[in-house]
Amino acid sequence: MVSGCGRERIEAINLANEGSALQRQGALDAAIDKYEAASRLDPSNHEITYMLALTYKGKEEWEKVASTLARATQVAPTYANYHFEQGHAYVQVARKSKQRSSWEEAQEALKRCIEHDARFADCYFLLGETELFLDNEQAALENYTKAVQHSPSDGALYVPLALLYINLGYFDQATAVINQGIKFASRESKAMFNMYQLLALANQWQGNMDEQVRALEKANEVGGAENPEILFSLGSTYAVMNPPKKQQALQMLKHFQARACKSASAQKYKDQCDQTMALMVKLEGP
C-alpha cells in the first residue's frame, strides 16, 4: 500500500515527466505549469525544481531562475551546478539592472559553486566578470586565470583575461595569455578573432606598429567576413604607418565603406564611416 506521501511523490514525478515532454515540444509555459505543480507536491525533489529553473532560463526570466534555484540549493546545497546556474541568473539580472546588489548575489552564488567543485571553470569565469564589476580587479585576474587553468582548451576563456591585463597595463602578460589562447581557439572562432585584435591593441600600446599590423592582418584573415570593422582598423593603421601604405589603406577603407557605410548597419559604424571619408580624402590627395 502506497502512503499519501508516497502517492504525492509519484504524482510529482508523473507531472514532471509531462513537463519534460512539453518542454521538448517548445511549450515552455505549459511545461512550467507542470513543473510548478510537481514541485508543490514534492518540494524535496530538487531535480524537479532544477528542471523548472532551466525552463525559466529558456524564457530568459532570470529573476525566476534565481529564486527557483534558491529552493533547489536549500534541498541540495552541495550541487555546484545549481549554484552556477543561480550565479549565472544573477549576472543576467545585474547586466540589465546595473544594480550592485545583483552582482553581489552573483558573487555569493558563484563562490558557493567553487566551494563545492573547485574545478568548475565556468564558475571561475563568471566570478571573474562579477569581481570586475565590483571593482575587485585582483580577484578578477585570479578567477579568470583559474578558469583558464581548469579548462585550458577553451579558447574563449583567454579573451577577458588578456583584455584585463591590457587595461591594467600588463602588456607582456597579455601577450603571453593571447599566444597561449591562440593555440586552442578554433581558427574561424570569434575567440580567435578577438585574440588577434587584442594582440594588435597590446602592440599598439607598446608602440610596436609592425606587430600591430601583423595581428590585424591575422584578425582580418580569420574573421573579416563577419566583422567589417576590422577593415577600418587595418586600413586606418596602414594610413598612419611611416611611410603610409596608401594603396593597402585605400583598398581596406573602400571595402569597409562598401560593406558598412552603405548598408543597414551604417548608423552602427557612423564614427568609423566619418573617419573613413576623411582618411580617404587625405590619402587620395589633391
C-alpha atoms as a PDB file:
ATOM      1  CA  MET A   1       0.000   0.000   0.000  1.00  0.00           C
ATOM      2  CA  VAL A   2       1.361   3.421  -1.007  1.00  0.00           C
ATOM      3  CA  SER A   3       1.173   6.103   1.669  1.00  0.00           C
ATOM      4  CA  GLY A   4      -0.210   9.568   0.990  1.00  0.00           C
ATOM      5  CA  CYS A   5       3.299  10.977   0.962  1.00  0.00           C
ATOM      6  CA  GLY A   6       4.411   8.264  -1.461  1.00  0.00           C
ATOM      7  CA  ARG A   7       1.486   8.939  -3.779  1.00  0.00           C
ATOM      8  CA  GLU A   8       2.360  12.642  -3.882  1.00  0.00           C
ATOM      9  CA  ARG A   9       5.947  11.844  -4.837  1.00  0.00           C
ATOM     10  CA  ILE A  10       4.825   9.516  -7.619  1.00  0.00           C
ATOM     11  CA  GLU A  11       2.323  12.086  -8.895  1.00  0.00           C
ATOM     12  CA  ALA A  12       5.055  14.751  -8.795  1.00  0.00           C
ATOM     13  CA  ILE A  13       7.304  12.587 -10.982  1.00  0.00           C
ATOM     14  CA  ASN A  14       4.446  11.960 -13.414  1.00  0.00           C
ATOM     15  CA  LEU A  15       3.742  15.691 -13.661  1.00  0.00           C
ATOM     16  CA  ALA A  16       7.433  16.414 -14.154  1.00  0.00           C
ATOM     17  CA  ASN A  17       7.597  13.858 -16.969  1.00  0.00           C
ATOM     18  CA  GLU A  18       4.668  15.606 -18.622  1.00  0.00           C
ATOM     19  CA  GLY A  19       6.500  18.893 -18.166  1.00  0.00           C
ATOM     20  CA  SER A  20       9.620  17.486 -19.817  1.00  0.00           C
ATOM     21  CA  ALA A  21       7.584  16.307 -22.809  1.00  0.00           C
ATOM     22  CA  LEU A  22       6.052  19.757 -23.167  1.00  0.00           C
ATOM     23  CA  GLN A  23       9.445  21.385 -22.859  1.00  0.00           C
ATOM     24  CA  ARG A  24      10.817  19.263 -25.703  1.00  0.00           C
ATOM     25  CA  GLN A  25       7.886  20.455 -27.806  1.00  0.00           C
ATOM     26  CA  GLY A  26       8.757  24.078 -27.039  1.00  0.00           C
ATOM     27  CA  ALA A  27       5.611  24.631 -24.939  1.00  0.00           C
ATOM     28  CA  LEU A  28       7.524  26.300 -22.119  1.00  0.00           C
ATOM     29  CA  ASP A  29       4.598  27.950 -20.325  1.00  0.00           C
ATOM     30  CA  ALA A  30       2.689  24.671 -20.176  1.00  0.00           C
ATOM     31  CA  ALA A  31       5.864  22.883 -19.020  1.00  0.00           C
ATOM     32  CA  ILE A  32       6.314  25.445 -16.249  1.00  0.00           C
ATOM     33  CA  ASP A  33       2.765  24.808 -15.019  1.00  0.00           C
ATOM     34  CA  LYS A  34       3.508  21.084 -14.783  1.00  0.00           C
ATOM     35  CA  TYR A  35       6.853  21.587 -13.047  1.00  0.00           C
ATOM     36  CA  GLU A  36       5.385  24.107 -10.594  1.00  0.00           C
ATOM     37  CA  ALA A  37       2.599  21.689  -9.684  1.00  0.00           C
ATOM     38  CA  ALA A  38       5.101  18.850  -9.316  1.00  0.00           C
ATOM     39  CA  SER A  39       7.379  20.967  -7.138  1.00  0.00           C
ATOM     40  CA  ARG A  40       4.481  21.877  -4.839  1.00  0.00           C
ATOM     41  CA  LEU A  41       3.577  18.203  -4.452  1.00  0.00           C
ATOM     42  CA  ASP A  42       7.145  17.198  -3.624  1.00  0.00           C
ATOM     43  CA  PRO A  43       9.359  20.148  -2.696  1.00  0.00           C
ATOM     44  CA  SER A  44      12.061  17.704  -1.574  1.00  0.00           C
ATOM     45  CA  ASN A  45      12.654  16.612  -5.181  1.00  0.00           C
ATOM     46  CA  HIS A  46      15.313  19.147  -6.095  1.00  0.00           C
ATOM     47  CA  GLU A  47      15.732  17.696  -9.592  1.00  0.00           C
ATOM     48  CA  ILE A  48      12.187  18.772 -10.457  1.00  0.00           C
ATOM     49  CA  THR A  49      12.902  22.249  -9.075  1.00  0.00           C
ATOM     50  CA  TYR A  50      16.078  22.382 -11.157  1.00  0.00           C
ATOM     51  CA  MET A  51      14.186  21.445 -14.327  1.00  0.00           C
ATOM     52  CA  LEU A  52      11.717  24.220 -13.533  1.00  0.00           C
ATOM     53  CA  ALA A  53      14.599  26.681 -13.221  1.00  0.00           C
ATOM     54  CA  LEU A  54      16.048  25.583 -16.559  1.00  0.00           C
ATOM     55  CA  THR A  55      12.675  26.101 -18.207  1.00  0.00           C
ATOM     56  CA  TYR A  56      12.536  29.640 -16.839  1.00  0.00           C
ATOM     57  CA  LYS A  57      16.067  30.020 -18.214  1.00  0.00           C
ATOM     58  CA  GLY A  58      14.755  29.073 -21.642  1.00  0.00           C
ATOM     59  CA  LYS A  59      12.369  32.029 -21.362  1.00  0.00           C
ATOM     60  CA  GLU A  60      15.160  34.268 -20.020  1.00  0.00           C
ATOM     61  CA  GLU A  61      13.145  35.027 -16.897  1.00  0.00           C
ATOM     62  CA  TRP A  62      16.285  35.424 -14.853  1.00  0.00           C
ATOM     63  CA  GLU A  63      14.811  36.553 -11.546  1.00  0.00           C
ATOM     64  CA  LYS A  64      12.570  33.479 -11.520  1.00  0.00           C
ATOM     65  CA  VAL A  65      15.561  31.304 -12.394  1.00  0.00           C
ATOM     66  CA  ALA A  66      17.450  32.673  -9.393  1.00  0.00           C
ATOM     67  CA  SER A  67      14.544  32.366  -6.943  1.00  0.00           C
ATOM     68  CA  THR A  68      13.712  28.841  -8.117  1.00  0.00           C
ATOM     69  CA  LEU A  69      17.305  27.734  -7.716  1.00  0.00           C
ATOM     70  CA  ALA A  70      17.329  29.181  -4.208  1.00  0.00           C
ATOM     71  CA  ARG A  71      14.757  26.490  -3.398  1.00  0.00           C
ATOM     72  CA  ALA A  72      16.819  23.792  -5.114  1.00  0.00           C
ATOM     73  CA  THR A  73      20.003  24.725  -3.265  1.00  0.00           C
ATOM     74  CA  GLN A  74      18.219  24.633   0.078  1.00  0.00           C
ATOM     75  CA  VAL A  75      17.407  20.960  -0.551  1.00  0.00           C
ATOM     76  CA  ALA A  76      20.675  20.072  -2.321  1.00  0.00           C
ATOM     77  CA  PRO A  77      23.314  22.571  -1.137  1.00  0.00           C
ATOM     78  CA  THR A  78      26.298  20.579  -2.469  1.00  0.00           C
ATOM     79  CA  TYR A  79      25.212  20.588  -6.133  1.00  0.00           C
ATOM     80  CA  ALA A  80      27.715  23.003  -7.670  1.00  0.00           C
ATOM     81  CA  ASN A  81      25.810  23.268 -10.959  1.00  0.00           C
ATOM     82  CA  TYR A  82      22.758  24.612  -9.100  1.00  0.00           C
ATOM     83  CA  HIS A  83      24.881  27.403  -7.622  1.00  0.00           C
ATOM     84  CA  PHE A  84      26.442  28.070 -11.020  1.00  0.00           C
ATOM     85  CA  GLU A  85      23.078  28.453 -12.733  1.00  0.00           C
ATOM     86  CA  GLN A  86      21.885  30.701  -9.909  1.00  0.00           C
ATOM     87  CA  GLY A  87      25.021  32.827 -10.223  1.00  0.00           C
ATOM     88  CA  HIS A  88      24.565  33.000 -13.986  1.00  0.00           C
ATOM     89  CA  ALA A  89      20.971  34.166 -13.495  1.00  0.00           C
ATOM     90  CA  TYR A  90      22.055  36.895 -11.076  1.00  0.00           C
ATOM     91  CA  VAL A  91      24.692  38.024 -13.590  1.00  0.00           C
ATOM     92  CA  GLN A  92      21.985  38.369 -16.247  1.00  0.00           C
ATOM     93  CA  VAL A  93      19.849  40.391 -13.820  1.00  0.00           C
ATOM     94  CA  ALA A  94      22.845  42.573 -12.913  1.00  0.00           C
ATOM     95  CA  ARG A  95      23.774  43.263 -16.539  1.00  0.00           C
ATOM     96  CA  LYS A  96      20.279  44.591 -17.124  1.00  0.00           C
ATOM     97  CA  SER A  97      19.583  46.337 -13.824  1.00  0.00           C
ATOM     98  CA  LYS A  98      23.145  47.665 -13.242  1.00  0.00           C
ATOM     99  CA  GLN A  99      22.499  47.175  -9.523  1.00  0.00           C
ATOM    100  CA  ARG A 100      25.466  46.361  -7.327  1.00  0.00           C
ATOM    101  CA  SER A 101      23.302  44.147  -5.124  1.00  0.00           C
ATOM    102  CA  SER A 102      22.666  41.766  -8.028  1.00  0.00           C
ATOM    103  CA  TRP A 103      26.407  41.488  -8.699  1.00  0.00           C
ATOM    104  CA  GLU A 104      26.925  40.745  -5.007  1.00  0.00           C
ATOM    105  CA  GLU A 105      24.278  37.993  -5.125  1.00  0.00           C
ATOM    106  CA  ALA A 106      26.030  36.542  -8.168  1.00  0.00           C
ATOM    107  CA  GLN A 107      29.335  36.682  -6.305  1.00  0.00           C
ATOM    108  CA  GLU A 108      27.931  34.733  -3.363  1.00  0.00           C
ATOM    109  CA  ALA A 109      26.343  32.053  -5.557  1.00  0.00           C
ATOM    110  CA  LEU A 110      29.471  31.569  -7.654  1.00  0.00           C
ATOM    111  CA  LYS A 111      31.692  31.317  -4.589  1.00  0.00           C
ATOM    112  CA  ARG A 112      29.378  28.569  -3.311  1.00  0.00           C
ATOM    113  CA  CYS A 113      29.751  26.835  -6.660  1.00  0.00           C
ATOM    114  CA  ILE A 114      33.526  26.805  -6.315  1.00  0.00           C
ATOM    115  CA  GLU A 115      33.276  25.720  -2.700  1.00  0.00           C
ATOM    116  CA  HIS A 116      31.505  22.554  -3.836  1.00  0.00           C
ATOM    117  CA  ASP A 117      33.522  21.998  -7.028  1.00  0.00           C
ATOM    118  CA  ALA A 118      36.933  23.645  -7.110  1.00  0.00           C
ATOM    119  CA  ARG A 119      37.452  22.573 -10.762  1.00  0.00           C
ATOM    120  CA  PHE A 120      34.332  24.254 -12.204  1.00  0.00           C
ATOM    121  CA  ALA A 121      35.938  26.515 -14.840  1.00  0.00           C
ATOM    122  CA  ASP A 122      32.733  28.329 -15.806  1.00  0.00           C
ATOM    123  CA  CYS A 123      32.181  29.334 -12.181  1.00  0.00           C
ATOM    124  CA  TYR A 124      35.618  30.922 -12.018  1.00  0.00           C
ATOM    125  CA  PHE A 125      34.978  32.631 -15.351  1.00  0.00           C
ATOM    126  CA  LEU A 126      31.679  34.217 -14.290  1.00  0.00           C
ATOM    127  CA  LEU A 127      33.106  35.076 -10.887  1.00  0.00           C
ATOM    128  CA  GLY A 128      35.924  36.897 -12.670  1.00  0.00           C
ATOM    129  CA  GLU A 129      33.386  39.039 -14.523  1.00  0.00           C
ATOM    130  CA  THR A 130      31.462  39.624 -11.321  1.00  0.00           C
ATOM    131  CA  GLU A 131      34.544  40.692  -9.361  1.00  0.00           C
ATOM    132  CA  LEU A 132      35.465  43.050 -12.180  1.00  0.00           C
ATOM    133  CA  PHE A 133      32.087  44.794 -11.983  1.00  0.00           C
ATOM    134  CA  LEU A 134      32.536  45.016  -8.220  1.00  0.00           C
ATOM    135  CA  ASP A 135      35.884  46.782  -8.821  1.00  0.00           C
ATOM    136  CA  ASN A 136      37.920  43.884  -7.442  1.00  0.00           C
ATOM    137  CA  GLU A 137      40.463  43.751 -10.265  1.00  0.00           C
ATOM    138  CA  GLN A 138      42.936  41.472  -8.491  1.00  0.00           C
ATOM    139  CA  ALA A 139      40.194  38.972  -7.663  1.00  0.00           C
ATOM    140  CA  ALA A 140      39.014  39.164 -11.279  1.00  0.00           C
ATOM    141  CA  LEU A 141      42.528  38.360 -12.505  1.00  0.00           C
ATOM    142  CA  GLU A 142      42.795  35.418 -10.131  1.00  0.00           C
ATOM    143  CA  ASN A 143      39.454  33.944 -11.158  1.00  0.00           C
ATOM    144  CA  TYR A 144      39.934  34.446 -14.888  1.00  0.00           C
ATOM    145  CA  THR A 145      43.336  32.747 -14.502  1.00  0.00           C
ATOM    146  CA  LYS A 146      41.814  29.810 -12.634  1.00  0.00           C
ATOM    147  CA  ALA A 147      39.157  29.446 -15.317  1.00  0.00           C
ATOM    148  CA  VAL A 148      41.902  29.048 -17.919  1.00  0.00           C
ATOM    149  CA  GLN A 149      43.845  26.659 -15.697  1.00  0.00           C
ATOM    150  CA  HIS A 150      40.848  24.382 -15.225  1.00  0.00           C
ATOM    151  CA  SER A 151      39.771  24.439 -18.886  1.00  0.00           C
ATOM    152  CA  PRO A 152      42.896  25.305 -20.909  1.00  0.00           C
ATOM    153  CA  SER A 153      41.440  24.044 -24.199  1.00  0.00           C
ATOM    154  CA  ASP A 154      38.588  26.591 -24.175  1.00  0.00           C
ATOM    155  CA  GLY A 155      39.935  29.462 -26.264  1.00  0.00           C
ATOM    156  CA  ALA A 156      37.137  31.860 -25.284  1.00  0.00           C
ATOM    157  CA  LEU A 157      38.319  31.907 -21.653  1.00  0.00           C
ATOM    158  CA  TYR A 158      41.565  33.637 -22.583  1.00  0.00           C
ATOM    159  CA  VAL A 159      39.942  36.759 -24.062  1.00  0.00           C
ATOM    160  CA  PRO A 160      38.732  38.602 -20.913  1.00  0.00           C
ATOM    161  CA  LEU A 161      41.923  37.686 -19.053  1.00  0.00           C
ATOM    162  CA  ALA A 162      44.055  39.200 -21.814  1.00  0.00           C
ATOM    163  CA  LEU A 163      41.820  42.283 -22.012  1.00  0.00           C
ATOM    164  CA  LEU A 164      42.072  42.852 -18.270  1.00  0.00           C
ATOM    165  CA  TYR A 165      45.879  42.598 -18.416  1.00  0.00           C
ATOM    166  CA  ILE A 166      45.864  45.205 -21.215  1.00  0.00           C
ATOM    167  CA  ASN A 167      43.580  47.534 -19.275  1.00  0.00           C
ATOM    168  CA  LEU A 168      45.933  47.244 -16.297  1.00  0.00           C
ATOM    169  CA  GLY A 169      48.963  47.969 -18.474  1.00  0.00           C
ATOM    170  CA  TYR A 170      50.482  44.474 -18.218  1.00  0.00           C
ATOM    171  CA  PHE A 171      51.173  44.078 -21.928  1.00  0.00           C
ATOM    172  CA  ASP A 172      53.732  41.271 -21.714  1.00  0.00           C
ATOM    173  CA  GLN A 173      51.350  39.170 -19.628  1.00  0.00           C
ATOM    174  CA  ALA A 174      48.516  39.927 -22.046  1.00  0.00           C
ATOM    175  CA  THR A 175      50.631  38.842 -24.999  1.00  0.00           C
ATOM    176  CA  ALA A 176      51.601  35.606 -23.254  1.00  0.00           C
ATOM    177  CA  VAL A 177      47.944  34.820 -22.497  1.00  0.00           C
ATOM    178  CA  ILE A 178      46.906  35.550 -26.094  1.00  0.00           C
ATOM    179  CA  ASN A 179      49.673  33.420 -27.589  1.00  0.00           C
ATOM    180  CA  GLN A 180      48.602  30.541 -25.363  1.00  0.00           C
ATOM    181  CA  GLY A 181      44.928  31.002 -26.218  1.00  0.00           C
ATOM    182  CA  ILE A 182      45.591  31.081 -29.954  1.00  0.00           C
ATOM    183  CA  LYS A 183      46.878  27.515 -29.674  1.00  0.00           C
ATOM    184  CA  PHE A 184      43.451  26.335 -28.522  1.00  0.00           C
ATOM    185  CA  ALA A 185      40.851  28.543 -30.200  1.00  0.00           C
ATOM    186  CA  SER A 186      39.411  27.151 -33.412  1.00  0.00           C
ATOM    187  CA  ARG A 187      40.649  29.084 -36.410  1.00  0.00           C
ATOM    188  CA  GLU A 188      37.308  30.553 -37.503  1.00  0.00           C
ATOM    189  CA  SER A 189      36.010  31.255 -33.996  1.00  0.00           C
ATOM    190  CA  LYS A 190      35.058  34.638 -32.557  1.00  0.00           C
ATOM    191  CA  ALA A 191      37.593  33.973 -29.786  1.00  0.00           C
ATOM    192  CA  MET A 192      40.442  33.707 -32.308  1.00  0.00           C
ATOM    193  CA  PHE A 193      39.363  36.952 -33.977  1.00  0.00           C
ATOM    194  CA  ASN A 194      39.129  38.720 -30.622  1.00  0.00           C
ATOM    195  CA  MET A 195      42.554  37.496 -29.523  1.00  0.00           C
ATOM    196  CA  TYR A 196      44.256  38.826 -32.643  1.00  0.00           C
ATOM    197  CA  GLN A 197      42.502  42.154 -32.117  1.00  0.00           C
ATOM    198  CA  LEU A 198      43.740  42.252 -28.528  1.00  0.00           C
ATOM    199  CA  LEU A 199      47.229  41.305 -29.656  1.00  0.00           C
ATOM    200  CA  ALA A 200      47.128  44.292 -32.018  1.00  0.00           C
ATOM    201  CA  LEU A 201      45.963  46.525 -29.152  1.00  0.00           C
ATOM    202  CA  ALA A 202      48.740  45.344 -26.842  1.00  0.00           C
ATOM    203  CA  ASN A 203      51.337  46.048 -29.538  1.00  0.00           C
ATOM    204  CA  GLN A 204      49.774  49.447 -30.266  1.00  0.00           C
ATOM    205  CA  TRP A 205      50.175  50.455 -26.634  1.00  0.00           C
ATOM    206  CA  GLN A 206      53.806  49.331 -26.758  1.00  0.00           C
ATOM    207  CA  GLY A 207      54.493  51.188 -29.993  1.00  0.00           C
ATOM    208  CA  ASN A 208      55.173  48.001 -31.974  1.00  0.00           C
ATOM    209  CA  MET A 209      53.402  49.016 -35.186  1.00  0.00           C
ATOM    210  CA  ASP A 210      54.756  46.194 -37.360  1.00  0.00           C
ATOM    211  CA  GLU A 211      53.484  43.604 -34.871  1.00  0.00           C
ATOM    212  CA  GLN A 212      50.232  45.537 -34.542  1.00  0.00           C
ATOM    213  CA  VAL A 213      49.688  45.351 -38.305  1.00  0.00           C
ATOM    214  CA  ARG A 214      50.536  41.645 -38.434  1.00  0.00           C
ATOM    215  CA  ALA A 215      47.971  40.949 -35.701  1.00  0.00           C
ATOM    216  CA  LEU A 216      45.305  42.997 -37.506  1.00  0.00           C
ATOM    217  CA  GLU A 217      46.039  41.147 -40.752  1.00  0.00           C
ATOM    218  CA  LYS A 218      45.552  37.826 -38.942  1.00  0.00           C
ATOM    219  CA  ALA A 219      42.301  39.106 -37.423  1.00  0.00           C
ATOM    220  CA  ASN A 220      41.089  40.055 -40.896  1.00  0.00           C
ATOM    221  CA  GLU A 221      42.129  36.671 -42.219  1.00  0.00           C
ATOM    222  CA  VAL A 222      40.178  34.685 -39.626  1.00  0.00           C
ATOM    223  CA  GLY A 223      37.181  36.963 -39.041  1.00  0.00           C
ATOM    224  CA  GLY A 224      36.996  39.679 -41.656  1.00  0.00           C
ATOM    225  CA  ALA A 225      33.998  38.149 -43.415  1.00  0.00           C
ATOM    226  CA  GLU A 226      31.809  38.532 -40.308  1.00  0.00           C
ATOM    227  CA  ASN A 227      33.410  41.650 -38.816  1.00  0.00           C
ATOM    228  CA  PRO A 228      33.689  44.571 -41.266  1.00  0.00           C
ATOM    229  CA  GLU A 229      35.113  46.835 -38.547  1.00  0.00           C
ATOM    230  CA  ILE A 230      38.455  45.043 -38.896  1.00  0.00           C
ATOM    231  CA  LEU A 231      38.738  46.557 -42.389  1.00  0.00           C
ATOM    232  CA  PHE A 232      38.581  50.017 -40.845  1.00  0.00           C
ATOM    233  CA  SER A 233      41.115  49.121 -38.151  1.00  0.00           C
ATOM    234  CA  LEU A 234      43.528  47.725 -40.690  1.00  0.00           C
ATOM    235  CA  GLY A 235      43.012  50.492 -43.244  1.00  0.00           C
ATOM    236  CA  SER A 236      43.382  53.293 -40.723  1.00  0.00           C
ATOM    237  CA  THR A 237      46.559  51.680 -39.387  1.00  0.00           C
ATOM    238  CA  TYR A 238      48.070  51.324 -42.859  1.00  0.00           C
ATOM    239  CA  ALA A 239      47.276  55.040 -43.339  1.00  0.00           C
ATOM    240  CA  VAL A 240      49.377  56.196 -40.379  1.00  0.00           C
ATOM    241  CA  MET A 241      52.406  53.969 -40.912  1.00  0.00           C
ATOM    242  CA  ASN A 242      55.734  55.644 -41.648  1.00  0.00           C
ATOM    243  CA  PRO A 243      55.712  55.722 -44.598  1.00  0.00           C
ATOM    244  CA  PRO A 244      51.970  55.143 -45.106  1.00  0.00           C
ATOM    245  CA  LYS A 245      50.865  52.115 -47.117  1.00  0.00           C
ATOM    246  CA  LYS A 246      48.496  54.215 -49.168  1.00  0.00           C
ATOM    247  CA  GLN A 247      47.239  51.628 -51.631  1.00  0.00           C
ATOM    248  CA  GLN A 248      46.593  48.989 -48.974  1.00  0.00           C
ATOM    249  CA  ALA A 249      44.924  51.624 -46.774  1.00  0.00           C
ATOM    250  CA  LEU A 250      42.645  52.813 -49.561  1.00  0.00           C
ATOM    251  CA  GLN A 251      41.735  49.261 -50.504  1.00  0.00           C
ATOM    252  CA  MET A 252      40.734  48.360 -46.944  1.00  0.00           C
ATOM    253  CA  LEU A 253      38.887  51.618 -46.333  1.00  0.00           C
ATOM    254  CA  LYS A 254      36.935  51.311 -49.583  1.00  0.00           C
ATOM    255  CA  HIS A 255      35.946  47.769 -48.699  1.00  0.00           C
ATOM    256  CA  PHE A 256      34.865  48.935 -45.262  1.00  0.00           C
ATOM    257  CA  GLN A 257      32.877  51.796 -46.753  1.00  0.00           C
ATOM    258  CA  ALA A 258      31.096  49.469 -49.187  1.00  0.00           C
ATOM    259  CA  ARG A 259      30.240  46.905 -46.523  1.00  0.00           C
ATOM    260  CA  ALA A 260      29.466  49.066 -43.502  1.00  0.00           C
ATOM    261  CA  CYS A 261      28.693  52.607 -44.594  1.00  0.00           C
ATOM    262  CA  LYS A 262      26.247  51.849 -47.396  1.00  0.00           C
ATOM    263  CA  SER A 263      24.205  49.216 -45.626  1.00  0.00           C
ATOM    264  CA  ALA A 264      21.580  48.894 -42.922  1.00  0.00           C
ATOM    265  CA  SER A 265      24.354  48.913 -40.320  1.00  0.00           C
ATOM    266  CA  ALA A 266      25.636  52.377 -41.327  1.00  0.00           C
ATOM    267  CA  GLN A 267      24.392  54.013 -38.133  1.00  0.00           C
ATOM    268  CA  LYS A 268      26.260  51.449 -36.041  1.00  0.00           C
ATOM    269  CA  TYR A 269      29.525  52.425 -37.716  1.00  0.00           C
ATOM    270  CA  LYS A 270      28.814  56.154 -38.080  1.00  0.00           C
ATOM    271  CA  ASP A 271      32.025  57.357 -36.402  1.00  0.00           C
ATOM    272  CA  GLN A 272      34.225  54.951 -38.382  1.00  0.00           C
ATOM    273  CA  CYS A 273      32.435  55.893 -41.616  1.00  0.00           C
ATOM    274  CA  ASP A 274      33.064  59.597 -40.969  1.00  0.00           C
ATOM    275  CA  GLN A 275      36.743  58.900 -40.253  1.00  0.00           C
ATOM    276  CA  THR A 276      36.966  56.725 -43.358  1.00  0.00           C
ATOM    277  CA  MET A 277      35.812  59.584 -45.578  1.00  0.00           C
ATOM    278  CA  ALA A 278      38.395  61.929 -44.051  1.00  0.00           C
ATOM    279  CA  LEU A 279      41.212  59.395 -44.374  1.00  0.00           C
ATOM    280  CA  MET A 280      40.351  58.615 -47.999  1.00  0.00           C
ATOM    281  CA  VAL A 281      40.379  62.290 -48.938  1.00  0.00           C
ATOM    282  CA  LYS A 282      43.777  62.692 -47.276  1.00  0.00           C
ATOM    283  CA  LEU A 283      45.240  59.561 -48.869  1.00  0.00           C
ATOM    284  CA  GLU A 284      43.980  60.313 -52.378  1.00  0.00           C
ATOM    285  CA  GLY A 285      45.349  63.861 -52.108  1.00  0.00           C
ATOM    286  CA  PRO A 286      44.751  66.825 -54.381  1.00  0.00           C
END
